[in-house]
Amino acid sequence: MSFLFVDTERVWRGGQDQLLSLLRGLHERGHSIHLVCHPGSILEDRVRDSGITVHSLAIPREIGLIPYLRLRRIILEGRPEILAFNTPRAILLGSLASRRTSVRARLIFRRVSFPLHRNLVTRLKYSWGIDCIVAISDSIRRQLLAGGVPGRLVHTIYEGLDLSLFPLRPPGEVLHALRTAVVGTVASLSPEKGLSNLVEAAALLPYPGTRVRFIIVGEGECRPDLEALVRARDLADAFEFKGFQAETLKCLYGFDLFVLPSLSEGLSSAILAAMAASLPVIATNVGGIPELVRHGHNGLLVPPGDPNSLAKAIQFLCDNPQEAREMGRRGRLRAEEEFTLARKILQTEALCSSLLQKPAPTTGAADA
């Protein structure tokens, strides 16, 4: 099969990481893969390193004449059978640009947990000419259905990880009784991640900075406010902001607990990575998170926006290191059983193959 994927993001987040692993996996299985992405992005650099054909194209708005013409030319020259959108901004423009071309199926990867807007543009984006929407969690699938998307269009395919990159860690490495517990998170520092609640929770714990310290990996618009809140709560010695890290694996293996207090979450690649690294997870009961974290099994779930409950969960696992280690072990087993990269690639491949079973358009040759 031949694919053209489109991603419009300038920054590197979980959606770009998951797209990269999918592109590499499909490429290794012999499929023809092209990618349209923002010029100078991390995604562009990493995909080029994989030997996949990359087309640099800025798409700043839903509709624009120059991006439309350039995208249409890329489609006509590359002749993809499948056009796949990893971010929403290019959906309408790409659907228009792919009319009367070689494209036989158009699909959307829906990775965010925000409700769909109920307006004409959104209805067109998610229905006109779209053959399939891949939801990365059942929570997102339900949200799409509630937003009026026909059920026949929506399929759930969970994200997955290459677990060979995550070595098993000896149980004694996590929450050793003789050292300070490290509570860490990897996240974009944006409002929906709810990280101010982590700072407020830390202020409720006894001896922050000595018995427990916190590491925040990531960058974003909320960083100045979070740093100001840390200072206001007199927690400067307890928190370390590491900023954006191109490789987060080493950071994860320095944590004892992983915490993500999101207010909204589609699924969370960061939680998946924490599970693969055998970390117990404390997260909020929102979006697709409960599909990853089973309360009391491989982590603890707390209500969103509730620093008191978050502090109690952190304290419980710090006080019960054996239980925390067992949760981390069970999280790794869940990742091995349900959230592997191989499973994601094979399910995506099978879905796309089924989309191509419909008859090819008779008008495709006219513009070839």
Protein backbone atom coordinates (compact mmCIF):
# COMPACT_ATOMS: atom_id res chain seq x y z
CA MET A 1 0.00 0.00 0.00
CA SER A 2 1.08 3.58 -0.54
CA PHE A 3 0.45 6.23 2.12
CA LEU A 4 0.69 9.99 2.45
CA PHE A 5 0.49 11.15 6.08
CA VAL A 6 -0.06 14.80 6.99
CA ASP A 7 0.97 16.39 10.30
CA THR A 8 0.82 20.16 10.83
CA GLU A 9 2.37 20.52 14.30
CA ARG A 10 5.49 22.60 14.87
CA VAL A 11 6.23 20.95 18.23
CA TRP A 12 7.01 17.42 19.38
CA ARG A 13 4.32 15.78 21.51
CA GLY A 14 2.99 12.30 22.08
CA GLY A 15 1.02 12.33 18.84
CA GLN A 16 4.16 12.96 16.81
CA ASP A 17 6.07 10.25 18.69
CA GLN A 18 3.31 7.73 17.99
CA LEU A 19 3.10 8.78 14.34
CA LEU A 20 6.85 8.30 13.92
CA SER A 21 6.73 4.74 15.24
CA LEU A 22 3.78 3.95 12.95
CA LEU A 23 5.55 5.37 9.89
CA ARG A 24 8.68 3.39 10.62
CA GLY A 25 6.72 0.21 11.23
CA LEU A 26 4.72 0.46 8.00
CA HIS A 27 7.88 1.38 6.08
CA GLU A 28 9.69 -1.70 7.44
CA ARG A 29 6.78 -3.87 6.31
CA GLY A 30 7.33 -2.76 2.73
CA HIS A 31 4.69 -0.06 2.31
CA SER A 32 5.43 3.18 0.46
CA ILE A 33 5.36 6.01 3.00
CA HIS A 34 5.42 9.76 2.39
CA LEU A 35 4.95 12.46 5.03
CA VAL A 36 3.91 16.10 4.80
CA CYS A 37 4.99 17.98 7.92
CA HIS A 38 5.93 21.43 9.19
CA PRO A 39 9.34 22.69 7.95
CA GLY A 40 12.12 22.43 10.53
CA SER A 41 10.10 20.35 12.98
CA ILE A 42 11.59 17.55 15.08
CA LEU A 43 9.25 15.17 13.30
CA GLU A 44 10.75 16.16 9.94
CA ASP A 45 14.30 15.48 11.15
CA ARG A 46 13.49 12.12 12.69
CA VAL A 47 11.46 10.86 9.75
CA ARG A 48 14.22 11.82 7.30
CA ASP A 49 16.65 9.79 9.42
CA SER A 50 14.37 6.77 8.86
CA GLY A 51 14.69 6.92 5.06
CA ILE A 52 11.06 7.95 4.55
CA THR A 53 10.23 10.60 1.94
CA VAL A 54 9.38 13.91 3.61
CA HIS A 55 7.68 16.97 2.09
CA SER A 56 8.07 20.21 4.07
CA LEU A 57 4.89 22.26 3.99
CA ALA A 58 3.52 24.81 6.44
CA ILE A 59 -0.27 24.66 6.76
CA PRO A 60 -1.13 27.55 9.08
CA ARG A 61 -4.90 27.60 8.47
CA GLU A 62 -7.78 25.29 7.57
CA ILE A 63 -7.85 26.63 4.00
CA GLY A 64 -5.18 28.43 1.96
CA LEU A 65 -4.53 28.60 -1.76
CA ILE A 66 -0.75 28.03 -1.69
CA PRO A 67 -0.85 25.05 0.74
CA TYR A 68 -3.73 23.61 -1.30
CA LEU A 69 -1.79 23.83 -4.57
CA ARG A 70 1.40 22.42 -3.06
CA LEU A 71 -0.41 19.56 -1.33
CA ARG A 72 -2.30 18.70 -4.49
CA ARG A 73 0.96 18.61 -6.44
CA ILE A 74 2.51 16.28 -3.82
CA ILE A 75 -0.49 13.97 -4.13
CA LEU A 76 -0.47 13.96 -7.93
CA GLU A 77 3.26 13.23 -8.07
CA GLY A 78 3.36 10.67 -5.27
CA ARG A 79 0.09 8.90 -6.23
CA PRO A 80 -0.77 7.61 -2.72
CA GLU A 81 -3.68 5.25 -2.26
CA ILE A 82 -4.30 6.34 1.33
CA LEU A 83 -4.28 9.89 2.68
CA ALA A 84 -4.00 9.99 6.46
CA PHE A 85 -4.33 13.06 8.70
CA ASN A 86 -2.50 13.00 12.04
CA THR A 87 -3.69 16.48 13.05
CA PRO A 88 -7.01 18.18 12.31
CA ARG A 89 -5.93 21.42 10.66
CA ALA A 90 -5.23 19.91 7.23
CA ILE A 91 -8.30 17.66 6.99
CA LEU A 92 -10.53 19.92 4.93
CA LEU A 93 -7.71 21.24 2.75
CA GLY A 94 -6.38 17.72 2.14
CA SER A 95 -9.81 16.34 1.33
CA LEU A 96 -10.21 19.05 -1.31
CA ALA A 97 -6.70 18.62 -2.69
CA SER A 98 -7.14 14.86 -3.11
CA ARG A 99 -10.30 15.02 -5.25
CA ARG A 100 -9.92 13.24 -8.61
CA THR A 101 -6.50 11.79 -7.75
CA SER A 102 -5.06 8.37 -6.96
CA VAL A 103 -6.31 8.59 -3.36
CA ARG A 104 -8.80 5.82 -2.67
CA ALA A 105 -9.22 6.22 1.09
CA ARG A 106 -8.95 9.10 3.53
CA LEU A 107 -8.60 8.55 7.26
CA ILE A 108 -8.14 10.65 10.35
CA PHE A 109 -6.18 9.77 13.47
CA ARG A 110 -8.04 11.37 16.37
CA ARG A 111 -5.69 11.63 19.35
CA VAL A 112 -7.21 14.40 21.49
CA SER A 113 -10.09 14.30 23.90
CA PHE A 114 -11.66 17.67 23.09
CA PRO A 115 -15.33 17.63 22.01
CA LEU A 116 -16.02 18.37 18.37
CA HIS A 117 -17.38 21.80 17.54
CA ARG A 118 -20.93 21.65 16.24
CA ASN A 119 -20.55 23.83 13.16
CA LEU A 120 -20.59 23.34 9.41
CA VAL A 121 -16.80 23.29 8.98
CA THR A 122 -16.36 20.57 11.60
CA ARG A 123 -19.18 18.47 10.14
CA LEU A 124 -17.55 18.71 6.71
CA LYS A 125 -14.10 17.83 8.06
CA TYR A 126 -15.21 14.68 9.82
CA SER A 127 -17.69 13.33 7.29
CA TRP A 128 -17.19 14.64 3.73
CA GLY A 129 -15.00 12.19 1.84
CA ILE A 130 -13.66 10.58 5.02
CA ASP A 131 -13.61 6.78 5.01
CA CYS A 132 -12.43 6.13 8.54
CA ILE A 133 -11.53 7.85 11.81
CA VAL A 134 -9.04 6.02 14.03
CA ALA A 135 -9.69 6.81 17.69
CA ILE A 136 -6.76 5.98 19.97
CA SER A 137 -9.09 5.17 22.88
CA ASP A 138 -12.69 4.12 23.40
CA SER A 139 -13.18 7.38 25.28
CA ILE A 140 -12.37 9.33 22.11
CA ARG A 141 -14.57 6.99 20.09
CA ARG A 142 -17.55 7.72 22.36
CA GLN A 143 -16.83 11.43 22.15
CA LEU A 144 -16.82 11.32 18.34
CA LEU A 145 -20.15 9.48 18.31
CA ALA A 146 -21.60 12.05 20.72
CA GLY A 147 -20.40 14.76 18.32
CA GLY A 148 -22.47 13.28 15.50
CA VAL A 149 -19.85 11.21 13.64
CA PRO A 150 -21.45 8.05 12.18
CA GLY A 151 -20.43 4.93 14.08
CA ARG A 152 -19.48 3.10 10.89
CA LEU A 153 -16.60 5.55 10.39
CA VAL A 154 -14.97 5.17 13.81
CA HIS A 155 -12.51 2.43 14.78
CA THR A 156 -10.45 2.19 17.97
CA ILE A 157 -6.77 1.29 17.65
CA TYR A 158 -4.73 1.78 20.80
CA GLU A 159 -1.29 3.31 20.71
CA GLY A 160 1.65 0.97 21.22
CA LEU A 161 5.32 0.94 22.13
CA ASP A 162 8.41 -0.93 21.01
CA LEU A 163 9.04 -2.64 24.34
CA SER A 164 12.53 -3.72 23.30
CA LEU A 165 13.51 -0.11 24.05
CA PHE A 166 12.36 -0.47 27.66
CA PRO A 167 14.62 -2.87 29.60
CA LEU A 168 13.16 -4.61 32.61
CA ARG A 169 14.38 -2.99 35.82
CA PRO A 170 15.22 -4.85 39.03
CA PRO A 171 12.38 -4.42 41.57
CA GLY A 172 14.73 -2.92 44.14
CA GLU A 173 15.41 0.07 41.89
CA VAL A 174 11.92 1.49 42.50
CA LEU A 175 11.10 3.25 45.78
CA HIS A 176 14.08 2.17 47.82
CA ALA A 177 13.36 2.85 51.49
CA LEU A 178 16.76 4.44 52.15
CA ARG A 179 16.57 7.26 49.61
CA THR A 180 14.36 10.11 48.55
CA ALA A 181 11.44 9.08 46.35
CA VAL A 182 11.46 10.70 42.90
CA VAL A 183 8.02 11.61 41.56
CA GLY A 184 8.22 12.49 37.90
CA THR A 185 6.13 13.45 34.93
CA VAL A 186 6.71 13.89 31.19
CA ALA A 187 4.21 16.24 29.61
CA SER A 188 3.64 19.31 27.53
CA LEU A 189 3.32 22.17 30.01
CA SER A 190 -0.10 23.19 28.77
CA PRO A 191 -3.28 23.94 30.74
CA GLU A 192 -5.01 20.60 30.08
CA LYS A 193 -2.18 18.70 31.82
CA GLY A 194 -3.25 20.15 35.18
CA LEU A 195 0.29 20.35 36.53
CA SER A 196 -0.55 23.15 38.97
CA ASN A 197 -2.42 20.48 40.91
CA LEU A 198 0.83 18.51 41.26
CA VAL A 199 2.51 21.56 42.80
CA GLU A 200 -0.42 22.07 45.18
CA ALA A 201 -0.34 18.37 46.09
CA ALA A 202 3.38 18.59 46.86
CA ALA A 203 2.68 21.45 49.27
CA LEU A 204 0.38 19.13 51.24
CA LEU A 205 3.01 16.40 51.68
CA PRO A 206 5.29 16.19 54.72
CA TYR A 207 8.94 17.01 54.06
CA PRO A 208 8.85 17.73 50.32
CA GLY A 209 12.38 17.93 48.98
CA THR A 210 13.78 15.51 51.56
CA ARG A 211 11.49 12.48 51.57
CA VAL A 212 9.98 13.28 48.14
CA ARG A 213 11.22 15.38 45.24
CA PHE A 214 9.59 16.17 41.91
CA ILE A 215 10.92 16.25 38.36
CA ILE A 216 8.94 17.80 35.51
CA VAL A 217 10.12 16.99 31.98
CA GLY A 218 8.59 19.09 29.22
CA GLU A 219 8.14 22.59 27.91
CA GLY A 220 5.14 24.78 27.22
CA GLU A 221 3.19 27.93 27.87
CA CYS A 222 2.48 27.13 31.53
CA ARG A 223 6.10 26.82 32.62
CA PRO A 224 6.49 30.41 33.96
CA ASP A 225 3.28 30.12 35.99
CA LEU A 226 4.27 26.70 37.34
CA GLU A 227 7.70 27.94 38.38
CA ALA A 228 6.09 30.96 40.07
CA LEU A 229 3.67 28.67 41.93
CA VAL A 230 6.58 26.48 43.09
CA ARG A 231 8.29 29.55 44.53
CA ALA A 232 5.06 30.81 46.09
CA ARG A 233 4.57 27.47 47.89
CA ASP A 234 8.22 27.51 49.04
CA LEU A 235 8.97 24.34 47.09
CA ALA A 236 12.00 25.45 45.06
CA ASP A 237 14.17 22.76 46.68
CA ALA A 238 11.60 20.06 45.90
CA PHE A 239 11.02 20.69 42.17
CA GLU A 240 13.29 20.43 39.15
CA PHE A 241 12.14 21.60 35.70
CA LYS A 242 14.19 19.80 33.07
CA GLY A 243 12.54 21.40 30.03
CA PHE A 244 12.08 19.60 26.73
CA GLN A 245 14.12 16.42 26.39
CA ALA A 246 14.55 14.84 22.96
CA GLU A 247 14.92 11.43 24.63
CA THR A 248 12.86 10.84 27.76
CA LEU A 249 13.71 7.19 28.39
CA LYS A 250 16.61 7.96 30.73
CA CYS A 251 14.38 10.36 32.67
CA LEU A 252 11.72 7.68 33.19
CA TYR A 253 14.27 5.25 34.59
CA GLY A 254 15.23 7.89 37.15
CA PHE A 255 11.67 8.08 38.52
CA ASP A 256 10.09 6.02 41.31
CA LEU A 257 6.51 7.13 40.60
CA PHE A 258 4.94 8.60 37.49
CA VAL A 259 2.21 11.20 37.96
CA LEU A 260 0.00 12.84 35.33
CA PRO A 261 -2.81 15.04 36.76
CA SER A 262 -4.47 15.80 33.40
CA LEU A 263 -7.78 17.62 33.14
CA SER A 264 -8.28 16.16 29.64
CA GLU A 265 -6.46 13.28 27.96
CA GLY A 266 -7.03 11.19 24.86
CA LEU A 267 -4.91 8.26 26.03
CA SER A 268 -1.37 9.45 27.02
CA SER A 269 1.76 8.10 25.41
CA ALA A 270 3.66 9.22 28.50
CA ILE A 271 1.63 6.90 30.74
CA LEU A 272 2.21 4.06 28.29
CA ALA A 273 5.95 4.70 28.47
CA ALA A 274 5.82 4.79 32.27
CA MET A 275 4.04 1.42 32.26
CA ALA A 276 6.67 0.00 29.92
CA ALA A 277 9.33 1.26 32.33
CA SER A 278 7.64 -0.67 35.18
CA LEU A 279 6.60 2.48 37.01
CA PRO A 280 3.49 2.71 39.18
CA VAL A 281 1.24 5.44 37.78
CA ILE A 282 -0.89 8.01 39.55
CA ALA A 283 -3.23 9.77 37.14
CA THR A 284 -6.63 11.37 36.88
CA ASN A 285 -9.81 9.56 36.00
CA VAL A 286 -10.40 11.40 32.71
CA GLY A 287 -10.57 10.56 29.00
CA GLY A 288 -8.76 7.41 27.98
CA ILE A 289 -6.56 7.19 31.09
CA PRO A 290 -8.75 4.54 32.81
CA GLU A 291 -8.23 2.36 29.73
CA LEU A 292 -4.52 2.31 30.65
CA VAL A 293 -4.50 2.58 34.44
CA ARG A 294 -6.65 0.18 36.41
CA HIS A 295 -7.14 1.63 39.86
CA GLY A 296 -5.35 -0.46 42.45
CA HIS A 297 -3.87 -2.75 39.80
CA ASN A 298 -1.12 -0.89 37.98
CA GLY A 299 -1.65 2.51 39.55
CA LEU A 300 -4.05 4.83 41.28
CA LEU A 301 -6.73 7.08 39.77
CA VAL A 302 -7.79 10.34 41.41
CA PRO A 303 -10.39 12.97 40.49
CA PRO A 304 -9.15 15.78 38.22
CA GLY A 305 -8.40 19.12 39.85
CA ASP A 306 -8.11 17.59 43.33
CA PRO A 307 -4.66 18.22 44.89
CA ASN A 308 -5.71 16.66 48.21
CA SER A 309 -6.55 13.29 46.59
CA LEU A 310 -3.39 13.49 44.52
CA ALA A 311 -1.26 14.10 47.62
CA LYS A 312 -2.86 11.16 49.42
CA ALA A 313 -2.15 8.86 46.46
CA ILE A 314 1.51 9.93 46.33
CA GLN A 315 1.86 9.49 50.06
CA PHE A 316 0.24 6.04 49.95
CA LEU A 317 2.67 4.69 47.36
CA CYS A 318 5.66 6.26 49.11
CA ASP A 319 4.56 4.59 52.35
CA ASN A 320 3.94 1.25 50.61
CA PRO A 321 6.95 0.63 48.35
CA GLN A 322 6.22 -3.08 47.89
CA GLU A 323 2.72 -2.31 46.62
CA ALA A 324 4.14 0.39 44.36
CA ARG A 325 6.68 -2.01 42.88
CA GLU A 326 3.98 -4.62 42.28
CA MET A 327 1.84 -2.02 40.48
CA GLY A 328 4.81 -1.19 38.28
CA ARG A 329 5.31 -4.87 37.44
CA ARG A 330 1.64 -5.28 36.53
CA GLY A 331 1.76 -2.16 34.39
CA ARG A 332 4.62 -3.61 32.38
CA LEU A 333 2.63 -6.82 31.87
CA ARG A 334 -0.37 -4.82 30.63
CA ALA A 335 1.86 -3.02 28.14
CA GLU A 336 3.22 -6.35 26.90
CA GLU A 337 -0.26 -7.84 26.53
CA GLU A 338 -2.25 -4.95 25.08
CA PHE A 339 -0.13 -1.97 23.98
CA THR A 340 2.68 -3.16 21.74
CA LEU A 341 3.87 -1.37 18.63
CA ALA A 342 3.53 -4.55 16.58
CA ARG A 343 -0.14 -4.80 17.48
CA LYS A 344 -0.78 -1.17 16.52
CA ILE A 345 0.98 -1.56 13.18
CA LEU A 346 -0.80 -4.79 12.25
CA GLN A 347 -4.23 -3.42 13.19
CA THR A 348 -3.61 -0.22 11.21
CA GLU A 349 -2.38 -2.23 8.24
CA ALA A 350 -5.44 -4.51 8.32
CA LEU A 351 -7.82 -1.55 8.58
CA CYS A 352 -6.21 0.28 5.66
CA SER A 353 -6.23 -2.87 3.55
CA SER A 354 -9.96 -3.21 4.16
CA LEU A 355 -10.52 0.40 3.07
CA LEU A 356 -8.89 -0.36 -0.26
CA GLN A 357 -11.29 -3.19 -0.99
CA LYS A 358 -13.79 -0.70 -2.36
CA PRO A 359 -13.60 -0.08 -6.14
CA ALA A 360 -10.92 2.35 -7.30
CA PRO A 361 -12.25 5.68 -8.67
CA THR A 362 -12.58 5.79 -12.44
CA THR A 363 -11.56 9.48 -12.57
CA GLY A 364 -8.15 9.05 -10.96
CA ALA A 365 -6.20 8.77 -14.22
CA ALA A 366 -7.45 12.08 -15.52
CA ASP A 367 -5.18 14.13 -13.29
CA ALA A 368 -2.30 11.68 -13.01
